[in-house]
PDB file of N, CA and C in Angstrom:
ATOM      1  N   MET A   1      16.097  64.842  87.893  1.00  0.00           N
ATOM      2  CA  MET A   1      16.318  64.978  86.472  1.00  0.00           C
ATOM      3  C   MET A   1      17.599  65.763  86.224  1.00  0.00           C
ATOM      4  N   ALA A   2      17.978  65.867  84.999  1.00  0.00           N
ATOM      5  CA  ALA A   2      19.235  66.510  84.650  1.00  0.00           C
ATOM      6  C   ALA A   2      19.117  68.026  84.697  1.00  0.00           C
ATOM      7  N   ARG A   3      20.238  68.646  84.868  1.00  0.00           N
ATOM      8  CA  ARG A   3      20.275  70.103  84.813  1.00  0.00           C
ATOM      9  C   ARG A   3      20.002  70.547  83.384  1.00  0.00           C
ATOM     10  N   TYR A   4      19.376  71.710  83.276  1.00  0.00           N
ATOM     11  CA  TYR A   4      19.021  72.183  81.953  1.00  0.00           C
ATOM     12  C   TYR A   4      19.975  73.230  81.414  1.00  0.00           C
ATOM     13  N   SER A   5      20.884  73.731  82.209  1.00  0.00           N
ATOM     14  CA  SER A   5      21.763  74.791  81.724  1.00  0.00           C
ATOM     15  C   SER A   5      22.810  74.218  80.776  1.00  0.00           C
ATOM     16  N   ASN A   6      23.181  75.042  79.824  1.00  0.00           N
ATOM     17  CA  ASN A   6      24.175  74.591  78.851  1.00  0.00           C
ATOM     18  C   ASN A   6      25.584  74.864  79.352  1.00  0.00           C
ATOM     19  N   GLU A   7      26.584  74.531  78.573  1.00  0.00           N
ATOM     20  CA  GLU A   7      27.974  74.657  79.016  1.00  0.00           C
ATOM     21  C   GLU A   7      28.368  76.101  79.283  1.00  0.00           C
ATOM     22  N   ALA A   8      27.735  77.043  78.611  1.00  0.00           N
ATOM     23  CA  ALA A   8      28.085  78.445  78.796  1.00  0.00           C
ATOM     24  C   ALA A   8      27.659  78.941  80.168  1.00  0.00           C
ATOM     25  N   GLY A   9      26.748  78.206  80.812  1.00  0.00           N
ATOM     26  CA  GLY A   9      26.338  78.563  82.150  1.00  0.00           C
ATOM     27  C   GLY A   9      25.344  79.700  82.205  1.00  0.00           C
ATOM     28  N   ASP A  10      24.724  80.046  81.067  1.00  0.00           N
ATOM     29  CA  ASP A  10      23.803  81.169  81.061  1.00  0.00           C
ATOM     30  C   ASP A  10      22.370  80.765  81.394  1.00  0.00           C
ATOM     31  N   GLY A  11      22.113  79.478  81.652  1.00  0.00           N
ATOM     32  CA  GLY A  11      20.793  79.038  82.075  1.00  0.00           C
ATOM     33  C   GLY A  11      19.790  78.864  80.954  1.00  0.00           C
ATOM     34  N   ASN A  12      20.207  79.052  79.708  1.00  0.00           N
ATOM     35  CA  ASN A  12      19.284  78.886  78.597  1.00  0.00           C
ATOM     36  C   ASN A  12      19.109  77.424  78.238  1.00  0.00           C
ATOM     37  N   ILE A  13      17.919  77.105  77.752  1.00  0.00           N
ATOM     38  CA  ILE A  13      17.637  75.745  77.311  1.00  0.00           C
ATOM     39  C   ILE A  13      18.158  75.588  75.894  1.00  0.00           C
ATOM     40  N   ASP A  14      18.885  74.523  75.666  1.00  0.00           N
ATOM     41  CA  ASP A  14      19.373  74.227  74.328  1.00  0.00           C
ATOM     42  C   ASP A  14      18.550  73.069  73.778  1.00  0.00           C
ATOM     43  N   PRO A  15      17.527  73.373  72.967  1.00  0.00           N
ATOM     44  CA  PRO A  15      16.666  72.299  72.436  1.00  0.00           C
ATOM     45  C   PRO A  15      17.433  71.240  71.654  1.00  0.00           C
ATOM     46  N   ALA A  16      18.483  71.637  70.959  1.00  0.00           N
ATOM     47  CA  ALA A  16      19.264  70.667  70.180  1.00  0.00           C
ATOM     48  C   ALA A  16      19.920  69.631  71.090  1.00  0.00           C
ATOM     49  N   THR A  17      20.368  70.068  72.252  1.00  0.00           N
ATOM     50  CA  THR A  17      20.981  69.137  73.200  1.00  0.00           C
ATOM     51  C   THR A  17      19.944  68.169  73.750  1.00  0.00           C
ATOM     52  N   ILE A  18      18.765  68.680  74.064  1.00  0.00           N
ATOM     53  CA  ILE A  18      17.700  67.815  74.572  1.00  0.00           C
ATOM     54  C   ILE A  18      17.304  66.784  73.526  1.00  0.00           C
ATOM     55  N   VAL A  19      17.115  67.223  72.299  1.00  0.00           N
ATOM     56  CA  VAL A  19      16.744  66.298  71.219  1.00  0.00           C
ATOM     57  C   VAL A  19      17.827  65.248  71.021  1.00  0.00           C
ATOM     58  N   SER A  20      19.066  65.659  71.048  1.00  0.00           N
ATOM     59  CA  SER A  20      20.181  64.721  70.882  1.00  0.00           C
ATOM     60  C   SER A  20      20.208  63.690  72.001  1.00  0.00           C
ATOM     61  N   ASN A  21      19.998  64.147  73.238  1.00  0.00           N
ATOM     62  CA  ASN A  21      19.993  63.222  74.370  1.00  0.00           C
ATOM     63  C   ASN A  21      18.859  62.219  74.270  1.00  0.00           C
ATOM     64  N   VAL A  22      17.688  62.673  73.874  1.00  0.00           N
ATOM     65  CA  VAL A  22      16.541  61.770  73.748  1.00  0.00           C
ATOM     66  C   VAL A  22      16.793  60.750  72.643  1.00  0.00           C
ATOM     67  N   LYS A  23      17.268  61.215  71.499  1.00  0.00           N
ATOM     68  CA  LYS A  23      17.510  60.298  70.379  1.00  0.00           C
ATOM     69  C   LYS A  23      18.558  59.251  70.714  1.00  0.00           C
ATOM     70  N   ASN A  24      19.543  59.625  71.524  1.00  0.00           N
ATOM     71  CA  ASN A  24      20.611  58.692  71.865  1.00  0.00           C
ATOM     72  C   ASN A  24      20.240  57.735  72.983  1.00  0.00           C
ATOM     73  N   ASN A  25      19.242  58.076  73.800  1.00  0.00           N
ATOM     74  CA  ASN A  25      18.949  57.276  74.982  1.00  0.00           C
ATOM     75  C   ASN A  25      17.703  56.417  74.899  1.00  0.00           C
ATOM     76  N   ILE A  26      16.832  56.654  73.935  1.00  0.00           N
ATOM     77  CA  ILE A  26      15.660  55.790  73.782  1.00  0.00           C
ATOM     78  C   ILE A  26      16.018  54.711  72.766  1.00  0.00           C
ATOM     79  N   LYS A  27      16.061  53.500  73.236  1.00  0.00           N
ATOM     80  CA  LYS A  27      16.486  52.376  72.401  1.00  0.00           C
ATOM     81  C   LYS A  27      15.273  51.595  71.880  1.00  0.00           C
ATOM     82  N   GLN A  28      15.354  51.198  70.638  1.00  0.00           N
ATOM     83  CA  GLN A  28      14.276  50.451  70.001  1.00  0.00           C
ATOM     84  C   GLN A  28      14.023  49.124  70.711  1.00  0.00           C
ATOM     85  N   GLU A  29      15.072  48.498  71.203  1.00  0.00           N
ATOM     86  CA  GLU A  29      14.932  47.201  71.868  1.00  0.00           C
ATOM     87  C   GLU A  29      14.103  47.330  73.150  1.00  0.00           C
ATOM     88  N   ILE A  30      14.291  48.436  73.875  1.00  0.00           N
ATOM     89  CA  ILE A  30      13.545  48.646  75.114  1.00  0.00           C
ATOM     90  C   ILE A  30      12.062  48.832  74.816  1.00  0.00           C
ATOM     91  N   ILE A  31      11.757  49.638  73.811  1.00  0.00           N
ATOM     92  CA  ILE A  31      10.356  49.863  73.423  1.00  0.00           C
ATOM     93  C   ILE A  31       9.731  48.547  72.973  1.00  0.00           C
ATOM     94  N   LYS A  32      10.480  47.750  72.232  1.00  0.00           N
ATOM     95  CA  LYS A  32       9.976  46.462  71.758  1.00  0.00           C
ATOM     96  C   LYS A  32       9.629  45.549  72.930  1.00  0.00           C
ATOM     97  N   GLU A  33      10.502  45.479  73.921  1.00  0.00           N
ATOM     98  CA  GLU A  33      10.240  44.649  75.098  1.00  0.00           C
ATOM     99  C   GLU A  33       9.036  45.158  75.886  1.00  0.00           C
ATOM    100  N   LEU A  34       8.906  46.469  76.010  1.00  0.00           N
ATOM    101  CA  LEU A  34       7.744  47.036  76.700  1.00  0.00           C
ATOM    102  C   LEU A  34       6.446  46.685  75.977  1.00  0.00           C
ATOM    103  N   LEU A  35       6.461  46.781  74.671  1.00  0.00           N
ATOM    104  CA  LEU A  35       5.261  46.450  73.901  1.00  0.00           C
ATOM    105  C   LEU A  35       4.922  44.968  74.000  1.00  0.00           C
ATOM    106  N   HIS A  36       5.927  44.123  73.860  1.00  0.00           N
ATOM    107  CA  HIS A  36       5.690  42.679  73.954  1.00  0.00           C
ATOM    108  C   HIS A  36       5.175  42.294  75.338  1.00  0.00           C
ATOM    109  N   GLY A  37       5.625  42.987  76.358  1.00  0.00           N
ATOM    110  CA  GLY A  37       5.148  42.709  77.711  1.00  0.00           C
ATOM    111  C   GLY A  37       3.687  43.052  77.914  1.00  0.00           C
ATOM    112  N   SER A  38       3.158  43.950  77.078  1.00  0.00           N
ATOM    113  CA  SER A  38       1.755  44.340  77.225  1.00  0.00           C
ATOM    114  C   SER A  38       0.816  43.538  76.325  1.00  0.00           C
ATOM    115  N   PHE A  39       1.361  42.715  75.429  1.00  0.00           N
ATOM    116  CA  PHE A  39       0.517  41.892  74.565  1.00  0.00           C
ATOM    117  C   PHE A  39      -0.158  40.803  75.390  1.00  0.00           C
ATOM    118  N   GLN A  40      -1.454  40.619  75.187  1.00  0.00           N
ATOM    119  CA  GLN A  40      -2.183  39.591  75.930  1.00  0.00           C
ATOM    120  C   GLN A  40      -2.067  38.230  75.248  1.00  0.00           C
ATOM    121  N   ASP A  41      -1.887  38.243  73.953  1.00  0.00           N
ATOM    122  CA  ASP A  41      -1.778  36.991  73.202  1.00  0.00           C
ATOM    123  C   ASP A  41      -0.312  36.811  72.779  1.00  0.00           C
ATOM    124  N   ASN A  42       0.260  35.674  73.095  1.00  0.00           N
ATOM    125  CA  ASN A  42       1.659  35.405  72.743  1.00  0.00           C
ATOM    126  C   ASN A  42       1.892  35.332  71.240  1.00  0.00           C
ATOM    127  N   LYS A  43       0.826  35.157  70.480  1.00  0.00           N
ATOM    128  CA  LYS A  43       0.957  35.061  69.025  1.00  0.00           C
ATOM    129  C   LYS A  43       1.000  36.437  68.350  1.00  0.00           C
ATOM    130  N   THR A  44       0.781  37.482  69.106  1.00  0.00           N
ATOM    131  CA  THR A  44       0.794  38.831  68.539  1.00  0.00           C
ATOM    132  C   THR A  44       2.203  39.179  68.081  1.00  0.00           C
ATOM    133  N   LYS A  45       2.290  39.675  66.863  1.00  0.00           N
ATOM    134  CA  LYS A  45       3.583  40.056  66.299  1.00  0.00           C
ATOM    135  C   LYS A  45       3.616  41.561  66.070  1.00  0.00           C
ATOM    136  N   LEU A  46       4.801  42.100  66.084  1.00  0.00           N
ATOM    137  CA  LEU A  46       5.011  43.523  65.883  1.00  0.00           C
ATOM    138  C   LEU A  46       5.935  43.706  64.685  1.00  0.00           C
ATOM    139  N   GLY A  47       5.419  44.368  63.660  1.00  0.00           N
ATOM    140  CA  GLY A  47       6.213  44.610  62.465  1.00  0.00           C
ATOM    141  C   GLY A  47       7.273  45.674  62.701  1.00  0.00           C
ATOM    142  N   ASN A  48       8.324  45.619  61.902  1.00  0.00           N
ATOM    143  CA  ASN A  48       9.418  46.588  62.042  1.00  0.00           C
ATOM    144  C   ASN A  48       8.962  48.016  61.780  1.00  0.00           C
ATOM    145  N   ASP A  49       8.068  48.201  60.802  1.00  0.00           N
ATOM    146  CA  ASP A  49       7.575  49.544  60.506  1.00  0.00           C
ATOM    147  C   ASP A  49       6.767  50.100  61.677  1.00  0.00           C
ATOM    148  N   ALA A  50       5.931  49.262  62.272  1.00  0.00           N
ATOM    149  CA  ALA A  50       5.126  49.693  63.418  1.00  0.00           C
ATOM    150  C   ALA A  50       6.025  50.023  64.605  1.00  0.00           C
ATOM    151  N   LEU A  51       7.024  49.214  64.850  1.00  0.00           N
ATOM    152  CA  LEU A  51       7.950  49.457  65.953  1.00  0.00           C
ATOM    153  C   LEU A  51       8.702  50.769  65.748  1.00  0.00           C
ATOM    154  N   THR A  52       9.163  51.009  64.539  1.00  0.00           N
ATOM    155  CA  THR A  52       9.871  52.248  64.231  1.00  0.00           C
ATOM    156  C   THR A  52       8.974  53.457  64.486  1.00  0.00           C
ATOM    157  N   LEU A  53       7.713  53.357  64.094  1.00  0.00           N
ATOM    158  CA  LEU A  53       6.776  54.454  64.304  1.00  0.00           C
ATOM    159  C   LEU A  53       6.526  54.711  65.792  1.00  0.00           C
ATOM    160  N   VAL A  54       6.341  53.646  66.563  1.00  0.00           N
ATOM    161  CA  VAL A  54       6.116  53.791  68.007  1.00  0.00           C
ATOM    162  C   VAL A  54       7.334  54.417  68.686  1.00  0.00           C
ATOM    163  N   VAL A  55       8.511  54.027  68.276  1.00  0.00           N
ATOM    164  CA  VAL A  55       9.742  54.589  68.843  1.00  0.00           C
ATOM    165  C   VAL A  55       9.823  56.081  68.533  1.00  0.00           C
ATOM    166  N   GLU A  56       9.498  56.478  67.324  1.00  0.00           N
ATOM    167  CA  GLU A  56       9.548  57.897  66.964  1.00  0.00           C
ATOM    168  C   GLU A  56       8.522  58.710  67.743  1.00  0.00           C
ATOM    169  N   VAL A  57       7.333  58.160  67.940  1.00  0.00           N
ATOM    170  CA  VAL A  57       6.310  58.848  68.741  1.00  0.00           C
ATOM    171  C   VAL A  57       6.778  58.979  70.187  1.00  0.00           C
ATOM    172  N   ALA A  58       7.385  57.938  70.718  1.00  0.00           N
ATOM    173  CA  ALA A  58       7.910  57.986  72.088  1.00  0.00           C
ATOM    174  C   ALA A  58       8.993  59.058  72.212  1.00  0.00           C
ATOM    175  N   LYS A  59       9.866  59.145  71.227  1.00  0.00           N
ATOM    176  CA  LYS A  59      10.917  60.162  71.244  1.00  0.00           C
ATOM    177  C   LYS A  59      10.324  61.566  71.211  1.00  0.00           C
ATOM    178  N   CYS A  60       9.295  61.754  70.390  1.00  0.00           N
ATOM    179  CA  CYS A  60       8.633  63.064  70.321  1.00  0.00           C
ATOM    180  C   CYS A  60       8.003  63.425  71.656  1.00  0.00           C
ATOM    181  N   LEU A  61       7.335  62.473  72.271  1.00  0.00           N
ATOM    182  CA  LEU A  61       6.667  62.713  73.548  1.00  0.00           C
ATOM    183  C   LEU A  61       7.680  63.035  74.645  1.00  0.00           C
ATOM    184  N   VAL A  62       8.747  62.289  74.712  1.00  0.00           N
ATOM    185  CA  VAL A  62       9.768  62.518  75.734  1.00  0.00           C
ATOM    186  C   VAL A  62      10.476  63.857  75.499  1.00  0.00           C
ATOM    187  N   THR A  63      10.778  64.167  74.258  1.00  0.00           N
ATOM    188  CA  THR A  63      11.429  65.442  73.939  1.00  0.00           C
ATOM    189  C   THR A  63      10.546  66.609  74.346  1.00  0.00           C
ATOM    190  N   GLU A  64       9.276  66.554  73.972  1.00  0.00           N
ATOM    191  CA  GLU A  64       8.356  67.632  74.313  1.00  0.00           C
ATOM    192  C   GLU A  64       8.196  67.773  75.821  1.00  0.00           C
ATOM    193  N   THR A  65       8.133  66.660  76.518  1.00  0.00           N
ATOM    194  CA  THR A  65       8.025  66.694  77.974  1.00  0.00           C
ATOM    195  C   THR A  65       9.255  67.353  78.591  1.00  0.00           C
ATOM    196  N   CYS A  66      10.426  66.999  78.117  1.00  0.00           N
ATOM    197  CA  CYS A  66      11.672  67.593  78.632  1.00  0.00           C
ATOM    198  C   CYS A  66      11.725  69.090  78.374  1.00  0.00           C
ATOM    199  N   LEU A  67      11.339  69.507  77.185  1.00  0.00           N
ATOM    200  CA  LEU A  67      11.364  70.927  76.851  1.00  0.00           C
ATOM    201  C   LEU A  67      10.376  71.717  77.705  1.00  0.00           C
ATOM    202  N   ARG A  68       9.183  71.184  77.878  1.00  0.00           N
ATOM    203  CA  ARG A  68       8.175  71.882  78.687  1.00  0.00           C
ATOM    204  C   ARG A  68       8.579  71.929  80.157  1.00  0.00           C
ATOM    205  N   ALA A  69       9.115  70.847  80.661  1.00  0.00           N
ATOM    206  CA  ALA A  69       9.552  70.833  82.059  1.00  0.00           C
ATOM    207  C   ALA A  69      10.722  71.796  82.267  1.00  0.00           C
ATOM    208  N   SER A  70      11.617  71.878  81.310  1.00  0.00           N
ATOM    209  CA  SER A  70      12.739  72.818  81.402  1.00  0.00           C
ATOM    210  C   SER A  70      12.246  74.260  81.391  1.00  0.00           C
ATOM    211  N   SER A  71      11.275  74.535  80.540  1.00  0.00           N
ATOM    212  CA  SER A  71      10.696  75.876  80.497  1.00  0.00           C
ATOM    213  C   SER A  71      10.019  76.225  81.816  1.00  0.00           C
ATOM    214  N   GLN A  72       9.327  75.252  82.384  1.00  0.00           N
ATOM    215  CA  GLN A  72       8.667  75.461  83.671  1.00  0.00           C
ATOM    216  C   GLN A  72       9.700  75.753  84.761  1.00  0.00           C
ATOM    217  N   ALA A  73      10.803  75.040  84.741  1.00  0.00           N
ATOM    218  CA  ALA A  73      11.860  75.275  85.726  1.00  0.00           C
ATOM    219  C   ALA A  73      12.447  76.674  85.571  1.00  0.00           C
ATOM    220  N   LEU A  74      12.631  77.103  84.338  1.00  0.00           N
ATOM    221  CA  LEU A  74      13.146  78.456  84.107  1.00  0.00           C
ATOM    222  C   LEU A  74      12.183  79.509  84.638  1.00  0.00           C
ATOM    223  N   LYS A  75      10.886  79.299  84.433  1.00  0.00           N
ATOM    224  CA  LYS A  75       9.886  80.244  84.934  1.00  0.00           C
ATOM    225  C   LYS A  75       9.941  80.370  86.446  1.00  0.00           C
ATOM    226  N   GLU A  76      10.313  79.282  87.107  1.00  0.00           N
ATOM    227  CA  GLU A  76      10.375  79.262  88.566  1.00  0.00           C
ATOM    228  C   GLU A  76      11.774  79.573  89.092  1.00  0.00           C
ATOM    229  N   ASN A  77      12.663  79.981  88.206  1.00  0.00           N
ATOM    230  CA  ASN A  77      14.048  80.322  88.568  1.00  0.00           C
ATOM    231  C   ASN A  77      14.764  79.188  89.292  1.00  0.00           C
ATOM    232  N   CYS A  78      14.570  77.982  88.830  1.00  0.00           N
ATOM    233  CA  CYS A  78      15.247  76.812  89.396  1.00  0.00           C
ATOM    234  C   CYS A  78      16.468  76.472  88.559  1.00  0.00           C
ATOM    235  N   ASP A  79      17.465  75.880  89.183  1.00  0.00           N
ATOM    236  CA  ASP A  79      18.678  75.525  88.455  1.00  0.00           C
ATOM    237  C   ASP A  79      18.692  74.083  87.988  1.00  0.00           C
ATOM    238  N   LYS A  80      17.634  73.326  88.320  1.00  0.00           N
ATOM    239  CA  LYS A  80      17.506  71.975  87.783  1.00  0.00           C
ATOM    240  C   LYS A  80      16.029  71.626  87.644  1.00  0.00           C
ATOM    241  N   VAL A  81      15.757  70.673  86.781  1.00  0.00           N
ATOM    242  CA  VAL A  81      14.393  70.226  86.528  1.00  0.00           C
ATOM    243  C   VAL A  81      14.071  69.086  87.486  1.00  0.00           C
ATOM    244  N   ASP A  82      12.981  69.247  88.221  1.00  0.00           N
ATOM    245  CA  ASP A  82      12.531  68.218  89.155  1.00  0.00           C
ATOM    246  C   ASP A  82      11.221  67.617  88.672  1.00  0.00           C
ATOM    247  N   ILE A  83      10.805  66.579  89.358  1.00  0.00           N
ATOM    248  CA  ILE A  83       9.568  65.898  88.986  1.00  0.00           C
ATOM    249  C   ILE A  83       8.368  66.841  89.078  1.00  0.00           C
ATOM    250  N   GLU A  84       8.424  67.821  89.971  1.00  0.00           N
ATOM    251  CA  GLU A  84       7.329  68.782  90.098  1.00  0.00           C
ATOM    252  C   GLU A  84       7.137  69.580  88.813  1.00  0.00           C
ATOM    253  N   HIS A  85       8.222  69.878  88.129  1.00  0.00           N
ATOM    254  CA  HIS A  85       8.132  70.608  86.866  1.00  0.00           C
ATOM    255  C   HIS A  85       7.464  69.744  85.798  1.00  0.00           C
ATOM    256  N   VAL A  86       7.793  68.478  85.790  1.00  0.00           N
ATOM    257  CA  VAL A  86       7.165  67.556  84.841  1.00  0.00           C
ATOM    258  C   VAL A  86       5.671  67.436  85.150  1.00  0.00           C
ATOM    259  N   GLU A  87       5.355  67.297  86.432  1.00  0.00           N
ATOM    260  CA  GLU A  87       3.951  67.157  86.830  1.00  0.00           C
ATOM    261  C   GLU A  87       3.120  68.366  86.438  1.00  0.00           C
ATOM    262  N   LYS A  88       3.689  69.540  86.490  1.00  0.00           N
ATOM    263  CA  LYS A  88       2.959  70.747  86.109  1.00  0.00           C
ATOM    264  C   LYS A  88       2.685  70.799  84.614  1.00  0.00           C
ATOM    265  N   CYS A  89       3.497  70.117  83.823  1.00  0.00           N
ATOM    266  CA  CYS A  89       3.338  70.109  82.368  1.00  0.00           C
ATOM    267  C   CYS A  89       2.389  69.011  81.881  1.00  0.00           C
ATOM    268  N   LEU A  90       2.168  68.000  82.694  1.00  0.00           N
ATOM    269  CA  LEU A  90       1.414  66.828  82.240  1.00  0.00           C
ATOM    270  C   LEU A  90      -0.015  67.105  81.785  1.00  0.00           C
ATOM    271  N   PRO A  91      -0.810  67.926  82.482  1.00  0.00           N
ATOM    272  CA  PRO A  91      -2.189  68.121  82.011  1.00  0.00           C
ATOM    273  C   PRO A  91      -2.270  68.634  80.568  1.00  0.00           C
ATOM    274  N   GLN A  92      -1.505  69.669  80.248  1.00  0.00           N
ATOM    275  CA  GLN A  92      -1.544  70.192  78.883  1.00  0.00           C
ATOM    276  C   GLN A  92      -0.914  69.216  77.901  1.00  0.00           C
ATOM    277  N   LEU A  93       0.112  68.513  78.322  1.00  0.00           N
ATOM    278  CA  LEU A  93       0.755  67.529  77.460  1.00  0.00           C
ATOM    279  C   LEU A  93      -0.215  66.411  77.076  1.00  0.00           C
ATOM    280  N   MET A  94      -1.024  65.980  78.036  1.00  0.00           N
ATOM    281  CA  MET A  94      -1.994  64.912  77.763  1.00  0.00           C
ATOM    282  C   MET A  94      -3.077  65.396  76.787  1.00  0.00           C
ATOM    283  N   LEU A  95      -3.390  66.684  76.811  1.00  0.00           N
ATOM    284  CA  LEU A  95      -4.345  67.223  75.847  1.00  0.00           C
ATOM    285  C   LEU A  95      -3.719  67.356  74.461  1.00  0.00           C
ATOM    286  N   ASP A  96      -2.441  67.661  74.413  1.00  0.00           N
ATOM    287  CA  ASP A  96      -1.763  67.837  73.128  1.00  0.00           C
ATOM    288  C   ASP A  96      -1.378  66.519  72.460  1.00  0.00           C
ATOM    289  N   PHE A  97      -1.186  65.462  73.273  1.00  0.00           N
ATOM    290  CA  PHE A  97      -0.839  64.137  72.758  1.00  0.00           C
ATOM    291  C   PHE A  97      -1.926  63.155  73.169  1.00  0.00           C
ATOM    292  N   PRO A  98      -3.057  63.156  72.466  1.00  0.00           N
ATOM    293  CA  PRO A  98      -4.180  62.277  72.902  1.00  0.00           C
ATOM    294  C   PRO A  98      -3.883  60.805  72.746  1.00  0.00           C
TER     295      PRO A  98
END
């Protein structure tokens, strides 16, 4: 995963940068294709409002996961976020996002 330190090099998490990265990298077209791939009936349609809502929920989930994993890495005095940090956050994240 990406390093969490900001340009100043002080090791602090910049939530605004994380939110900006998530908003810029999660594309509506990708979410749409993922959803269509899981439909069992080819006649199932997805409205634009529903797609927009699913994309926003996905962005919230990814942002929260990144922030929690970054915090976990800081607690462990690591200079980058690894999959282990994400894994440590998943149990509580699954309870918070049912």
